[in-house]
Amino acid sequence: MNRFWSPLVERLHPYIPGEQPADPNLVKLNTNENPYGPSPRVIEAITAELGDRLRLYPNPESDALREAIARLHGVDREQVFVGNGSDEVLAHAFHGLLKHEEPLLFPDVTYSFYPTYCELFEVAYRTVPLRERFEIEPNDYLQPNGGIVFANPNAPTGRALPLADVERMVKASDRVVLVDEAYVDFGAESAIPLVARHDNLLVVQTLSKSRSLAGMRLGFAIAQPHLIEALVRVKNSFNSYPIDRLAQVAGIAAIEDQAWFEDTRQRVIESREELARGLTQRGFDVIPSATNFLFARHPQHDAEQLARSLRASGVLVRYFKKPRIDQFLRITVGRPDQCQALLQALEKIL
C-alpha cells in the first residue's frame, strides 16, 4: 500500500511510546506517569462541565487556562501558549521557530521525539554528545546553529542543568533556545524567570507529570509575545480548537490546587531517593536524578534481559536499545508499594 505514500512518509521513523498494557495487575513503571491521581478539584471541575455545553466549541484560545498559568508563573497571558500535551507545543515550535538553514542542536541522548520532529518538518539537525556521566556541557553548544533544544532535567537520563548554565546557553545563541521542562517540578530550577530578559528563550512544560494529567493531554509554553505569536500562527493553521472543554477546566483546577501539587510531588521525590538507595544496595549504578524516574544499570547484568525478566515478574520498566544507553533501564518512581515490588523482583532475578 505504500505506493500511496508521499516521499516524506517513506523517510519517517515515528516515535514509539511506552507500552500501555491491558493487564491491570502489572506494576507499571515504564512511562513516567504520576503514581498519585490528580487533585479532587480536577474531578469536580470535569463533572461540573459535563452536560449540554459539550455541544459547543471550547474557547479557541483557552483564555481562562492561560490566565491560570500566567498567574502561577508571574507572567502575562500573552506570554502563554497551550497545546495538547507538551508534545504538540514542541511540534509547533519545531515547525514555527526552529527550522532554519543552520542545523538545530540537541543532545545525542535525549527525548527521542526531537529527531522525529526534525524528520517530519525537514529540520536540519546535529546532535551534541553528552559528557561521560550524561551531563550537558554548555560550551559544546557554542557553535553556529539554527536553534538549541534540550530537556532540563534531561530524559531519559534524569540529570539537571543549573540555571546559570541554562542562561549562559541562551545568552550565547542568536537563535531560539527551547528548554523542555517536562520534569522540572521534581527537583530542577525552571528557566521561566529568565524569559523576561531573553527574547530568544522558549520554556515548555506539561501537566502530565507533576499535575497527574497525562490522560488529559495538556502542555504549555512561556516566552515573550513575539515567540508565542509564532506558535499561535502555526496552531491556527492546523487546529483552531485544540484544547477541549474538559481539559481546560481540568487544567485550571490542577494548577489552582497548589497544596495537592506540593504534597504529591514531595512524596514522589522521597520515593525516588529511597528507590535510588535500594537500587544502589543491589549493585546498580544510578545516575543522579531530578525527575520522577531513575536511570540505572547493573554492571553484571544485561539491561535488555533484566527488563524482560522484570516483565515476567509482573513489573514494567523502559528499555532503550540505543547507542550509549543500551545497558541502562529507565525506571519510573511509583508508590512505595510499587517500588518495593520492583526491588523484591530484582532480588530474585539478581
C-alpha atoms as a PDB file:
ATOM      1  CA  MET A   1       0.000   0.000   0.000  1.00  0.00           C
ATOM      2  CA  ASN A   2       2.993   2.339   0.361  1.00  0.00           C
ATOM      3  CA  ARG A   3       2.664   3.337  -3.317  1.00  0.00           C
ATOM      4  CA  PHE A   4       0.177   5.905  -1.987  1.00  0.00           C
ATOM      5  CA  TRP A   5       2.641   7.381   0.491  1.00  0.00           C
ATOM      6  CA  SER A   6       4.405  10.658  -0.053  1.00  0.00           C
ATOM      7  CA  PRO A   7       8.220  10.613  -0.121  1.00  0.00           C
ATOM      8  CA  LEU A   8       8.173  12.270   3.331  1.00  0.00           C
ATOM      9  CA  VAL A   9       6.212   9.400   4.886  1.00  0.00           C
ATOM     10  CA  GLU A  10       8.677   6.923   3.423  1.00  0.00           C
ATOM     11  CA  ARG A  11      11.503   8.644   5.306  1.00  0.00           C
ATOM     12  CA  LEU A  12       9.799   8.923   8.693  1.00  0.00           C
ATOM     13  CA  HIS A  13      10.809   6.946  11.771  1.00  0.00           C
ATOM     14  CA  PRO A  14       7.852   7.553  14.108  1.00  0.00           C
ATOM     15  CA  TYR A  15       8.259   7.944  17.850  1.00  0.00           C
ATOM     16  CA  ILE A  16       7.422   4.758  19.769  1.00  0.00           C
ATOM     17  CA  PRO A  17       5.658   5.451  23.093  1.00  0.00           C
ATOM     18  CA  GLY A  18       5.986   3.260  26.161  1.00  0.00           C
ATOM     19  CA  GLU A  19       3.781   0.210  26.477  1.00  0.00           C
ATOM     20  CA  GLN A  20       0.271   0.714  27.850  1.00  0.00           C
ATOM     21  CA  PRO A  21      -0.525  -2.839  28.982  1.00  0.00           C
ATOM     22  CA  ALA A  22      -4.001  -4.323  29.098  1.00  0.00           C
ATOM     23  CA  ASP A  23      -3.143  -6.356  32.207  1.00  0.00           C
ATOM     24  CA  PRO A  24      -4.063  -4.212  35.263  1.00  0.00           C
ATOM     25  CA  ASN A  25      -2.007  -6.421  37.568  1.00  0.00           C
ATOM     26  CA  LEU A  26       1.336  -5.331  36.133  1.00  0.00           C
ATOM     27  CA  VAL A  27       3.360  -2.862  38.191  1.00  0.00           C
ATOM     28  CA  LYS A  28       3.659  -0.082  35.617  1.00  0.00           C
ATOM     29  CA  LEU A  29       6.957   1.777  35.978  1.00  0.00           C
ATOM     30  CA  ASN A  30       7.688   2.410  32.302  1.00  0.00           C
ATOM     31  CA  THR A  31       6.036   5.677  31.182  1.00  0.00           C
ATOM     32  CA  ASN A  32       6.794   8.201  33.964  1.00  0.00           C
ATOM     33  CA  GLU A  33       3.148   8.683  34.916  1.00  0.00           C
ATOM     34  CA  ASN A  34       2.478  10.139  38.341  1.00  0.00           C
ATOM     35  CA  PRO A  35       1.577   7.339  40.792  1.00  0.00           C
ATOM     36  CA  TYR A  36      -0.863   9.655  42.565  1.00  0.00           C
ATOM     37  CA  GLY A  37      -4.090  10.780  40.956  1.00  0.00           C
ATOM     38  CA  PRO A  38      -4.989  14.368  40.108  1.00  0.00           C
ATOM     39  CA  SER A  39      -6.417  16.792  42.622  1.00  0.00           C
ATOM     40  CA  PRO A  40     -10.011  16.027  43.650  1.00  0.00           C
ATOM     41  CA  ARG A  41     -10.796  19.514  42.342  1.00  0.00           C
ATOM     42  CA  VAL A  42      -9.989  18.243  38.841  1.00  0.00           C
ATOM     43  CA  ILE A  43     -12.661  15.556  39.079  1.00  0.00           C
ATOM     44  CA  GLU A  44     -15.158  18.117  40.409  1.00  0.00           C
ATOM     45  CA  ALA A  45     -14.376  20.554  37.600  1.00  0.00           C
ATOM     46  CA  ILE A  46     -14.751  17.909  34.886  1.00  0.00           C
ATOM     47  CA  THR A  47     -18.034  16.689  36.379  1.00  0.00           C
ATOM     48  CA  ALA A  48     -19.415  20.218  36.537  1.00  0.00           C
ATOM     49  CA  GLU A  49     -18.529  20.811  32.878  1.00  0.00           C
ATOM     50  CA  LEU A  50     -20.381  17.725  31.645  1.00  0.00           C
ATOM     51  CA  GLY A  51     -23.733  18.489  30.076  1.00  0.00           C
ATOM     52  CA  ASP A  52     -25.334  20.494  27.297  1.00  0.00           C
ATOM     53  CA  ARG A  53     -22.294  22.753  26.828  1.00  0.00           C
ATOM     54  CA  LEU A  54     -20.332  19.898  25.257  1.00  0.00           C
ATOM     55  CA  ARG A  55     -22.214  20.595  22.018  1.00  0.00           C
ATOM     56  CA  LEU A  56     -20.436  23.978  21.865  1.00  0.00           C
ATOM     57  CA  TYR A  57     -16.868  24.526  20.738  1.00  0.00           C
ATOM     58  CA  PRO A  58     -14.413  25.376  23.531  1.00  0.00           C
ATOM     59  CA  ASN A  59     -12.735  28.743  23.875  1.00  0.00           C
ATOM     60  CA  PRO A  60     -10.271  28.596  20.948  1.00  0.00           C
ATOM     61  CA  GLU A  61      -7.511  30.445  22.795  1.00  0.00           C
ATOM     62  CA  SER A  62      -8.045  28.718  26.187  1.00  0.00           C
ATOM     63  CA  ASP A  63      -8.045  32.156  27.788  1.00  0.00           C
ATOM     64  CA  ALA A  64      -9.016  31.087  31.324  1.00  0.00           C
ATOM     65  CA  LEU A  65      -6.424  28.316  31.354  1.00  0.00           C
ATOM     66  CA  ARG A  66      -3.736  30.664  30.068  1.00  0.00           C
ATOM     67  CA  GLU A  67      -4.695  33.163  32.763  1.00  0.00           C
ATOM     68  CA  ALA A  68      -4.258  30.486  35.444  1.00  0.00           C
ATOM     69  CA  ILE A  69      -0.830  29.509  34.081  1.00  0.00           C
ATOM     70  CA  ALA A  70       0.191  33.163  33.826  1.00  0.00           C
ATOM     71  CA  ARG A  71      -0.795  33.825  37.457  1.00  0.00           C
ATOM     72  CA  LEU A  72       1.119  30.792  38.656  1.00  0.00           C
ATOM     73  CA  HIS A  73       4.333  31.845  36.925  1.00  0.00           C
ATOM     74  CA  GLY A  74       4.051  35.622  37.239  1.00  0.00           C
ATOM     75  CA  VAL A  75       3.815  36.423  33.529  1.00  0.00           C
ATOM     76  CA  ASP A  76       1.217  37.991  31.222  1.00  0.00           C
ATOM     77  CA  ARG A  77      -1.397  35.876  29.463  1.00  0.00           C
ATOM     78  CA  GLU A  78       0.087  36.965  26.119  1.00  0.00           C
ATOM     79  CA  GLN A  79       3.257  35.110  27.123  1.00  0.00           C
ATOM     80  CA  VAL A  80       1.461  31.750  27.452  1.00  0.00           C
ATOM     81  CA  PHE A  81       0.622  29.209  24.753  1.00  0.00           C
ATOM     82  CA  VAL A  82      -1.224  25.942  25.434  1.00  0.00           C
ATOM     83  CA  GLY A  83      -1.460  22.732  23.440  1.00  0.00           C
ATOM     84  CA  ASN A  84      -2.488  19.078  23.524  1.00  0.00           C
ATOM     85  CA  GLY A  85       0.343  17.938  25.743  1.00  0.00           C
ATOM     86  CA  SER A  86       3.808  19.403  25.554  1.00  0.00           C
ATOM     87  CA  ASP A  87       4.438  17.183  22.526  1.00  0.00           C
ATOM     88  CA  GLU A  88       2.086  19.321  20.423  1.00  0.00           C
ATOM     89  CA  VAL A  89       3.652  22.505  21.779  1.00  0.00           C
ATOM     90  CA  LEU A  90       7.086  21.156  20.845  1.00  0.00           C
ATOM     91  CA  ALA A  91       5.852  20.229  17.366  1.00  0.00           C
ATOM     92  CA  HIS A  92       4.599  23.772  16.734  1.00  0.00           C
ATOM     93  CA  ALA A  93       7.919  25.168  17.963  1.00  0.00           C
ATOM     94  CA  PHE A  94       9.943  22.888  15.671  1.00  0.00           C
ATOM     95  CA  HIS A  95       7.754  23.914  12.759  1.00  0.00           C
ATOM     96  CA  GLY A  96       7.470  27.622  13.510  1.00  0.00           C
ATOM     97  CA  LEU A  97      10.679  28.623  15.286  1.00  0.00           C
ATOM     98  CA  LEU A  98      13.438  26.065  14.779  1.00  0.00           C
ATOM     99  CA  LYS A  99      13.561  25.438  11.032  1.00  0.00           C
ATOM    100  CA  HIS A 100      16.496  27.393   9.590  1.00  0.00           C
ATOM    101  CA  GLU A 101      19.435  26.816   7.265  1.00  0.00           C
ATOM    102  CA  GLU A 102      21.853  26.113  10.108  1.00  0.00           C
ATOM    103  CA  PRO A 103      21.342  22.838  11.994  1.00  0.00           C
ATOM    104  CA  LEU A 104      19.295  22.628  15.165  1.00  0.00           C
ATOM    105  CA  LEU A 105      21.364  21.358  18.111  1.00  0.00           C
ATOM    106  CA  PHE A 106      20.256  18.917  20.809  1.00  0.00           C
ATOM    107  CA  PRO A 107      21.939  16.221  22.930  1.00  0.00           C
ATOM    108  CA  ASP A 108      22.729  12.809  21.493  1.00  0.00           C
ATOM    109  CA  VAL A 109      20.922  11.163  24.407  1.00  0.00           C
ATOM    110  CA  THR A 110      17.616  12.898  24.974  1.00  0.00           C
ATOM    111  CA  TYR A 111      13.879  12.773  24.270  1.00  0.00           C
ATOM    112  CA  SER A 112      13.584  10.707  21.091  1.00  0.00           C
ATOM    113  CA  PHE A 113      10.739  12.832  19.723  1.00  0.00           C
ATOM    114  CA  TYR A 114      13.249  15.570  18.792  1.00  0.00           C
ATOM    115  CA  PRO A 115      14.760  13.751  15.773  1.00  0.00           C
ATOM    116  CA  THR A 116      11.266  12.569  14.826  1.00  0.00           C
ATOM    117  CA  TYR A 117      10.059  16.169  14.604  1.00  0.00           C
ATOM    118  CA  CYS A 118      13.146  17.082  12.591  1.00  0.00           C
ATOM    119  CA  GLU A 119      12.302  14.384  10.055  1.00  0.00           C
ATOM    120  CA  LEU A 120       8.623  15.362   9.921  1.00  0.00           C
ATOM    121  CA  PHE A 121       9.258  19.090   9.463  1.00  0.00           C
ATOM    122  CA  GLU A 122      12.503  18.636   7.497  1.00  0.00           C
ATOM    123  CA  VAL A 123      14.629  20.470  10.038  1.00  0.00           C
ATOM    124  CA  ALA A 124      18.386  20.037   9.682  1.00  0.00           C
ATOM    125  CA  TYR A 125      19.931  18.986  12.985  1.00  0.00           C
ATOM    126  CA  ARG A 126      23.156  17.949  14.674  1.00  0.00           C
ATOM    127  CA  THR A 127      23.423  16.029  17.935  1.00  0.00           C
ATOM    128  CA  VAL A 128      25.863  17.135  20.623  1.00  0.00           C
ATOM    129  CA  PRO A 129      27.324  14.307  22.734  1.00  0.00           C
ATOM    130  CA  LEU A 130      26.627  14.375  26.438  1.00  0.00           C
ATOM    131  CA  ARG A 131      29.649  14.007  28.690  1.00  0.00           C
ATOM    132  CA  GLU A 132      30.642  10.655  30.205  1.00  0.00           C
ATOM    133  CA  ARG A 133      28.097  10.769  33.047  1.00  0.00           C
ATOM    134  CA  PHE A 134      25.432  12.213  30.734  1.00  0.00           C
ATOM    135  CA  GLU A 135      25.944  15.860  31.674  1.00  0.00           C
ATOM    136  CA  ILE A 136      25.197  18.681  29.227  1.00  0.00           C
ATOM    137  CA  GLU A 137      28.261  20.857  28.748  1.00  0.00           C
ATOM    138  CA  PRO A 138      27.146  24.390  27.722  1.00  0.00           C
ATOM    139  CA  ASN A 139      30.434  25.122  25.945  1.00  0.00           C
ATOM    140  CA  ASP A 140      29.707  22.299  23.494  1.00  0.00           C
ATOM    141  CA  TYR A 141      26.806  24.367  22.124  1.00  0.00           C
ATOM    142  CA  LEU A 142      28.916  27.406  21.299  1.00  0.00           C
ATOM    143  CA  GLN A 143      28.817  26.731  17.561  1.00  0.00           C
ATOM    144  CA  PRO A 144      26.728  28.026  14.641  1.00  0.00           C
ATOM    145  CA  ASN A 145      23.178  26.739  14.891  1.00  0.00           C
ATOM    146  CA  GLY A 146      19.571  27.241  13.850  1.00  0.00           C
ATOM    147  CA  GLY A 147      18.418  26.864  17.442  1.00  0.00           C
ATOM    148  CA  ILE A 148      19.024  24.755  20.534  1.00  0.00           C
ATOM    149  CA  VAL A 149      16.653  22.293  22.200  1.00  0.00           C
ATOM    150  CA  PHE A 150      17.294  20.393  25.393  1.00  0.00           C
ATOM    151  CA  ALA A 151      15.259  18.838  28.161  1.00  0.00           C
ATOM    152  CA  ASN A 152      16.028  20.060  31.669  1.00  0.00           C
ATOM    153  CA  PRO A 153      16.068  17.761  33.526  1.00  0.00           C
ATOM    154  CA  ASN A 154      17.103  15.597  30.621  1.00  0.00           C
ATOM    155  CA  ALA A 155      15.231  12.469  29.607  1.00  0.00           C
ATOM    156  CA  PRO A 156      15.902   9.600  29.822  1.00  0.00           C
ATOM    157  CA  THR A 157      18.970  10.348  31.963  1.00  0.00           C
ATOM    158  CA  GLY A 158      17.296  12.478  34.664  1.00  0.00           C
ATOM    159  CA  ARG A 159      20.195  14.911  35.017  1.00  0.00           C
ATOM    160  CA  ALA A 160      19.519  18.617  35.555  1.00  0.00           C
ATOM    161  CA  LEU A 161      21.496  21.606  34.335  1.00  0.00           C
ATOM    162  CA  PRO A 162      21.924  24.537  36.772  1.00  0.00           C
ATOM    163  CA  LEU A 163      20.007  27.674  35.847  1.00  0.00           C
ATOM    164  CA  ALA A 164      23.193  29.691  35.426  1.00  0.00           C
ATOM    165  CA  ASP A 165      24.347  27.273  32.717  1.00  0.00           C
ATOM    166  CA  VAL A 166      20.950  27.456  31.019  1.00  0.00           C
ATOM    167  CA  GLU A 167      21.210  31.236  30.881  1.00  0.00           C
ATOM    168  CA  ARG A 168      24.750  31.022  29.533  1.00  0.00           C
ATOM    169  CA  MET A 169      23.473  28.958  26.590  1.00  0.00           C
ATOM    170  CA  VAL A 170      20.584  31.361  25.970  1.00  0.00           C
ATOM    171  CA  LYS A 171      22.898  34.375  26.008  1.00  0.00           C
ATOM    172  CA  ALA A 172      25.362  32.749  23.620  1.00  0.00           C
ATOM    173  CA  SER A 173      22.778  31.932  20.930  1.00  0.00           C
ATOM    174  CA  ASP A 174      21.187  34.343  18.459  1.00  0.00           C
ATOM    175  CA  ARG A 175      18.509  31.755  17.688  1.00  0.00           C
ATOM    176  CA  VAL A 176      15.672  30.316  19.774  1.00  0.00           C
ATOM    177  CA  VAL A 177      16.691  28.198  22.735  1.00  0.00           C
ATOM    178  CA  LEU A 178      13.899  25.828  23.763  1.00  0.00           C
ATOM    179  CA  VAL A 179      14.089  24.385  27.274  1.00  0.00           C
ATOM    180  CA  ASP A 180      11.812  21.363  27.663  1.00  0.00           C
ATOM    181  CA  GLU A 181      10.873  21.249  31.360  1.00  0.00           C
ATOM    182  CA  ALA A 182       8.556  18.238  31.443  1.00  0.00           C
ATOM    183  CA  TYR A 183      10.122  17.038  34.715  1.00  0.00           C
ATOM    184  CA  VAL A 184      11.262  20.306  36.264  1.00  0.00           C
ATOM    185  CA  ASP A 185       8.929  20.134  39.286  1.00  0.00           C
ATOM    186  CA  PHE A 186      10.724  17.101  40.704  1.00  0.00           C
ATOM    187  CA  GLY A 187      13.988  18.814  41.522  1.00  0.00           C
ATOM    188  CA  ALA A 188      15.324  21.271  38.922  1.00  0.00           C
ATOM    189  CA  GLU A 189      15.197  25.049  38.522  1.00  0.00           C
ATOM    190  CA  SER A 190      12.775  26.429  35.943  1.00  0.00           C
ATOM    191  CA  ALA A 191      14.052  28.846  33.327  1.00  0.00           C
ATOM    192  CA  ILE A 192      10.742  30.748  33.283  1.00  0.00           C
ATOM    193  CA  PRO A 193      12.202  33.631  35.380  1.00  0.00           C
ATOM    194  CA  LEU A 194      14.751  34.182  32.582  1.00  0.00           C
ATOM    195  CA  VAL A 195      12.067  34.823  29.943  1.00  0.00           C
ATOM    196  CA  ALA A 196      11.671  38.484  30.902  1.00  0.00           C
ATOM    197  CA  ARG A 197      15.262  39.317  29.926  1.00  0.00           C
ATOM    198  CA  HIS A 198      15.828  36.979  26.959  1.00  0.00           C
ATOM    199  CA  ASP A 199      13.787  37.373  23.774  1.00  0.00           C
ATOM    200  CA  ASN A 200      15.059  34.058  22.333  1.00  0.00           C
ATOM    201  CA  LEU A 201      14.014  31.774  25.211  1.00  0.00           C
ATOM    202  CA  LEU A 202      11.014  29.426  24.977  1.00  0.00           C
ATOM    203  CA  VAL A 203      10.199  27.294  28.040  1.00  0.00           C
ATOM    204  CA  VAL A 204       7.869  24.316  27.596  1.00  0.00           C
ATOM    205  CA  GLN A 205       6.158  22.427  30.409  1.00  0.00           C
ATOM    206  CA  THR A 206       3.471  19.773  30.779  1.00  0.00           C
ATOM    207  CA  LEU A 207       0.664  18.989  33.197  1.00  0.00           C
ATOM    208  CA  SER A 208       1.121  15.260  32.554  1.00  0.00           C
ATOM    209  CA  LYS A 209       3.752  14.559  35.200  1.00  0.00           C
ATOM    210  CA  SER A 210       3.658  16.647  38.370  1.00  0.00           C
ATOM    211  CA  ARG A 211      -0.041  17.570  37.931  1.00  0.00           C
ATOM    212  CA  SER A 212      -1.124  13.967  37.136  1.00  0.00           C
ATOM    213  CA  LEU A 213      -2.974  14.873  33.930  1.00  0.00           C
ATOM    214  CA  ALA A 214      -1.276  12.606  31.382  1.00  0.00           C
ATOM    215  CA  GLY A 215      -4.710  11.395  30.308  1.00  0.00           C
ATOM    216  CA  MET A 216      -5.958  14.928  29.547  1.00  0.00           C
ATOM    217  CA  ARG A 217      -3.047  15.973  27.265  1.00  0.00           C
ATOM    218  CA  LEU A 218      -2.142  19.494  28.372  1.00  0.00           C
ATOM    219  CA  GLY A 219       1.107  21.343  27.849  1.00  0.00           C
ATOM    220  CA  PHE A 220       2.173  24.960  27.614  1.00  0.00           C
ATOM    221  CA  ALA A 221       4.954  27.293  26.586  1.00  0.00           C
ATOM    222  CA  ILE A 222       6.058  30.564  28.148  1.00  0.00           C
ATOM    223  CA  ALA A 223       8.072  33.141  26.203  1.00  0.00           C
ATOM    224  CA  GLN A 224       7.972  36.757  25.114  1.00  0.00           C
ATOM    225  CA  PRO A 225       4.887  37.556  22.973  1.00  0.00           C
ATOM    226  CA  HIS A 226       6.663  37.517  19.602  1.00  0.00           C
ATOM    227  CA  LEU A 227       7.613  33.849  20.065  1.00  0.00           C
ATOM    228  CA  ILE A 228       4.138  32.962  21.336  1.00  0.00           C
ATOM    229  CA  GLU A 229       2.621  34.599  18.248  1.00  0.00           C
ATOM    230  CA  ALA A 230       4.609  32.221  16.020  1.00  0.00           C
ATOM    231  CA  LEU A 231       3.130  29.226  17.849  1.00  0.00           C
ATOM    232  CA  VAL A 232      -0.384  30.676  17.601  1.00  0.00           C
ATOM    233  CA  ARG A 233       0.006  31.208  13.855  1.00  0.00           C
ATOM    234  CA  VAL A 234       1.039  27.582  13.389  1.00  0.00           C
ATOM    235  CA  LYS A 235      -1.741  26.336  15.676  1.00  0.00           C
ATOM    236  CA  ASN A 236      -4.427  28.324  13.879  1.00  0.00           C
ATOM    237  CA  SER A 237      -3.198  26.982  10.545  1.00  0.00           C
ATOM    238  CA  PHE A 238      -3.584  23.443  11.851  1.00  0.00           C
ATOM    239  CA  ASN A 239      -6.296  23.182  14.549  1.00  0.00           C
ATOM    240  CA  SER A 240      -8.055  26.256  15.868  1.00  0.00           C
ATOM    241  CA  TYR A 241      -9.769  24.405  18.762  1.00  0.00           C
ATOM    242  CA  PRO A 242      -7.017  22.185  20.182  1.00  0.00           C
ATOM    243  CA  ILE A 243      -7.954  22.136  23.892  1.00  0.00           C
ATOM    244  CA  ASP A 244     -11.385  20.697  24.671  1.00  0.00           C
ATOM    245  CA  ARG A 245     -13.718  21.959  27.387  1.00  0.00           C
ATOM    246  CA  LEU A 246     -12.929  19.203  29.876  1.00  0.00           C
ATOM    247  CA  ALA A 247      -9.174  19.618  29.508  1.00  0.00           C
ATOM    248  CA  GLN A 248      -9.392  23.385  30.017  1.00  0.00           C
ATOM    249  CA  VAL A 249     -11.307  23.168  33.309  1.00  0.00           C
ATOM    250  CA  ALA A 250      -9.184  20.226  34.468  1.00  0.00           C
ATOM    251  CA  GLY A 251      -6.001  22.200  33.861  1.00  0.00           C
ATOM    252  CA  ILE A 252      -7.261  25.220  35.774  1.00  0.00           C
ATOM    253  CA  ALA A 253      -8.297  23.084  38.744  1.00  0.00           C
ATOM    254  CA  ALA A 254      -4.968  21.248  38.823  1.00  0.00           C
ATOM    255  CA  ILE A 255      -2.992  24.485  38.717  1.00  0.00           C
ATOM    256  CA  GLU A 256      -5.053  26.152  41.437  1.00  0.00           C
ATOM    257  CA  ASP A 257      -4.698  23.282  43.930  1.00  0.00           C
ATOM    258  CA  GLN A 258      -1.134  24.001  44.956  1.00  0.00           C
ATOM    259  CA  ALA A 259      -1.439  22.062  48.208  1.00  0.00           C
ATOM    260  CA  TRP A 260      -2.196  18.818  46.345  1.00  0.00           C
ATOM    261  CA  PHE A 261       0.612  19.511  43.892  1.00  0.00           C
ATOM    262  CA  GLU A 262       3.169  20.104  46.645  1.00  0.00           C
ATOM    263  CA  ASP A 263       2.123  17.070  48.665  1.00  0.00           C
ATOM    264  CA  THR A 264       2.201  14.564  45.797  1.00  0.00           C
ATOM    265  CA  ARG A 265       5.378  15.964  44.289  1.00  0.00           C
ATOM    266  CA  GLN A 266       7.217  15.675  47.605  1.00  0.00           C
ATOM    267  CA  ARG A 267       6.010  12.100  48.010  1.00  0.00           C
ATOM    268  CA  VAL A 268       7.453  11.246  44.601  1.00  0.00           C
ATOM    269  CA  ILE A 269      10.781  12.897  45.469  1.00  0.00           C
ATOM    270  CA  GLU A 270      11.002  10.968  48.748  1.00  0.00           C
ATOM    271  CA  SER A 271      10.214   7.684  46.997  1.00  0.00           C
ATOM    272  CA  ARG A 272      12.826   8.466  44.330  1.00  0.00           C
ATOM    273  CA  GLU A 273      15.571   8.841  46.914  1.00  0.00           C
ATOM    274  CA  GLU A 274      14.505   5.674  48.711  1.00  0.00           C
ATOM    275  CA  LEU A 275      14.374   3.728  45.454  1.00  0.00           C
ATOM    276  CA  ALA A 276      17.811   5.034  44.439  1.00  0.00           C
ATOM    277  CA  ARG A 277      19.227   3.749  47.723  1.00  0.00           C
ATOM    278  CA  GLY A 278      17.568   0.371  47.193  1.00  0.00           C
ATOM    279  CA  LEU A 279      18.953   0.027  43.679  1.00  0.00           C
ATOM    280  CA  THR A 280      22.442   1.089  44.775  1.00  0.00           C
ATOM    281  CA  GLN A 281      22.397  -1.502  47.567  1.00  0.00           C
ATOM    282  CA  ARG A 282      21.650  -4.140  44.924  1.00  0.00           C
ATOM    283  CA  GLY A 283      24.683  -3.197  42.858  1.00  0.00           C
ATOM    284  CA  PHE A 284      23.149  -0.744  40.374  1.00  0.00           C
ATOM    285  CA  ASP A 285      24.916   2.329  39.072  1.00  0.00           C
ATOM    286  CA  VAL A 286      22.244   5.022  39.440  1.00  0.00           C
ATOM    287  CA  ILE A 287      22.580   8.347  37.605  1.00  0.00           C
ATOM    288  CA  PRO A 288      21.673  11.350  39.838  1.00  0.00           C
ATOM    289  CA  SER A 289      18.061  12.275  39.053  1.00  0.00           C
ATOM    290  CA  ALA A 290      15.963  15.431  39.388  1.00  0.00           C
ATOM    291  CA  THR A 291      12.921  13.746  37.825  1.00  0.00           C
ATOM    292  CA  ASN A 292      10.223  11.191  38.671  1.00  0.00           C
ATOM    293  CA  PHE A 293      12.343   8.375  37.249  1.00  0.00           C
ATOM    294  CA  LEU A 294      15.765   6.795  37.686  1.00  0.00           C
ATOM    295  CA  PHE A 295      18.286   5.818  35.014  1.00  0.00           C
ATOM    296  CA  ALA A 296      20.328   2.867  36.169  1.00  0.00           C
ATOM    297  CA  ARG A 297      22.458  -0.059  35.020  1.00  0.00           C
ATOM    298  CA  HIS A 298      23.822  -3.178  36.680  1.00  0.00           C
ATOM    299  CA  PRO A 299      27.448  -3.949  35.741  1.00  0.00           C
ATOM    300  CA  GLN A 300      26.897  -7.719  35.901  1.00  0.00           C
ATOM    301  CA  HIS A 301      23.520  -7.977  34.151  1.00  0.00           C
ATOM    302  CA  ASP A 302      22.374  -7.153  30.619  1.00  0.00           C
ATOM    303  CA  ALA A 303      19.736  -4.410  30.704  1.00  0.00           C
ATOM    304  CA  GLU A 304      17.516  -5.858  27.991  1.00  0.00           C
ATOM    305  CA  GLN A 305      17.415  -9.228  29.737  1.00  0.00           C
ATOM    306  CA  LEU A 306      16.709  -7.526  33.064  1.00  0.00           C
ATOM    307  CA  ALA A 307      13.738  -5.706  31.507  1.00  0.00           C
ATOM    308  CA  ARG A 308      12.407  -8.992  30.144  1.00  0.00           C
ATOM    309  CA  SER A 309      12.867 -10.766  33.470  1.00  0.00           C
ATOM    310  CA  LEU A 310      11.143  -7.945  35.321  1.00  0.00           C
ATOM    311  CA  ARG A 311       8.200  -8.083  32.955  1.00  0.00           C
ATOM    312  CA  ALA A 312       7.934 -11.825  33.506  1.00  0.00           C
ATOM    313  CA  SER A 313       7.831 -11.000  37.223  1.00  0.00           C
ATOM    314  CA  GLY A 314       4.991  -8.518  36.687  1.00  0.00           C
ATOM    315  CA  VAL A 315       6.983  -5.263  36.644  1.00  0.00           C
ATOM    316  CA  LEU A 316       7.301  -2.979  33.596  1.00  0.00           C
ATOM    317  CA  VAL A 317      10.310  -0.683  33.132  1.00  0.00           C
ATOM    318  CA  ARG A 318      11.572   1.113  29.999  1.00  0.00           C
ATOM    319  CA  TYR A 319      14.477  -0.171  27.947  1.00  0.00           C
ATOM    320  CA  PHE A 320      16.015   1.781  25.047  1.00  0.00           C
ATOM    321  CA  LYS A 321      18.104  -0.189  22.569  1.00  0.00           C
ATOM    322  CA  LYS A 322      20.173   2.796  21.534  1.00  0.00           C
ATOM    323  CA  PRO A 323      23.874   3.712  21.427  1.00  0.00           C
ATOM    324  CA  ARG A 324      25.460   4.657  24.781  1.00  0.00           C
ATOM    325  CA  ILE A 325      22.374   3.715  26.831  1.00  0.00           C
ATOM    326  CA  ASP A 326      21.649   0.116  25.815  1.00  0.00           C
ATOM    327  CA  GLN A 327      22.762  -1.121  29.241  1.00  0.00           C
ATOM    328  CA  PHE A 328      20.503   1.241  31.182  1.00  0.00           C
ATOM    329  CA  LEU A 329      16.926   0.935  32.396  1.00  0.00           C
ATOM    330  CA  ARG A 330      14.633   3.909  32.940  1.00  0.00           C
ATOM    331  CA  ILE A 331      12.528   3.227  35.998  1.00  0.00           C
ATOM    332  CA  THR A 332       9.518   5.378  36.889  1.00  0.00           C
ATOM    333  CA  VAL A 333       9.164   6.243  40.571  1.00  0.00           C
ATOM    334  CA  GLY A 334       5.931   4.639  41.731  1.00  0.00           C
ATOM    335  CA  ARG A 335       4.145   4.462  45.047  1.00  0.00           C
ATOM    336  CA  PRO A 336       6.202   2.930  47.895  1.00  0.00           C
ATOM    337  CA  ASP A 337       4.483  -0.442  47.411  1.00  0.00           C
ATOM    338  CA  GLN A 338       5.260  -0.396  43.685  1.00  0.00           C
ATOM    339  CA  CYS A 339       8.901   0.481  44.299  1.00  0.00           C
ATOM    340  CA  GLN A 340       9.099  -2.328  46.831  1.00  0.00           C
ATOM    341  CA  ALA A 341       7.615  -4.766  44.318  1.00  0.00           C
ATOM    342  CA  LEU A 342      10.354  -3.776  41.854  1.00  0.00           C
ATOM    343  CA  LEU A 343      13.118  -4.264  44.426  1.00  0.00           C
ATOM    344  CA  GLN A 344      11.722  -7.629  45.506  1.00  0.00           C
ATOM    345  CA  ALA A 345      11.545  -8.785  41.880  1.00  0.00           C
ATOM    346  CA  LEU A 346      15.150  -7.690  41.371  1.00  0.00           C
ATOM    347  CA  GLU A 347      16.238  -9.637  44.442  1.00  0.00           C
ATOM    348  CA  LYS A 348      15.006 -12.855  42.828  1.00  0.00           C
ATOM    349  CA  ILE A 349      16.366 -12.023  39.363  1.00  0.00           C
ATOM    350  CA  LEU A 350      19.823 -10.944  40.528  1.00  0.00           C
END
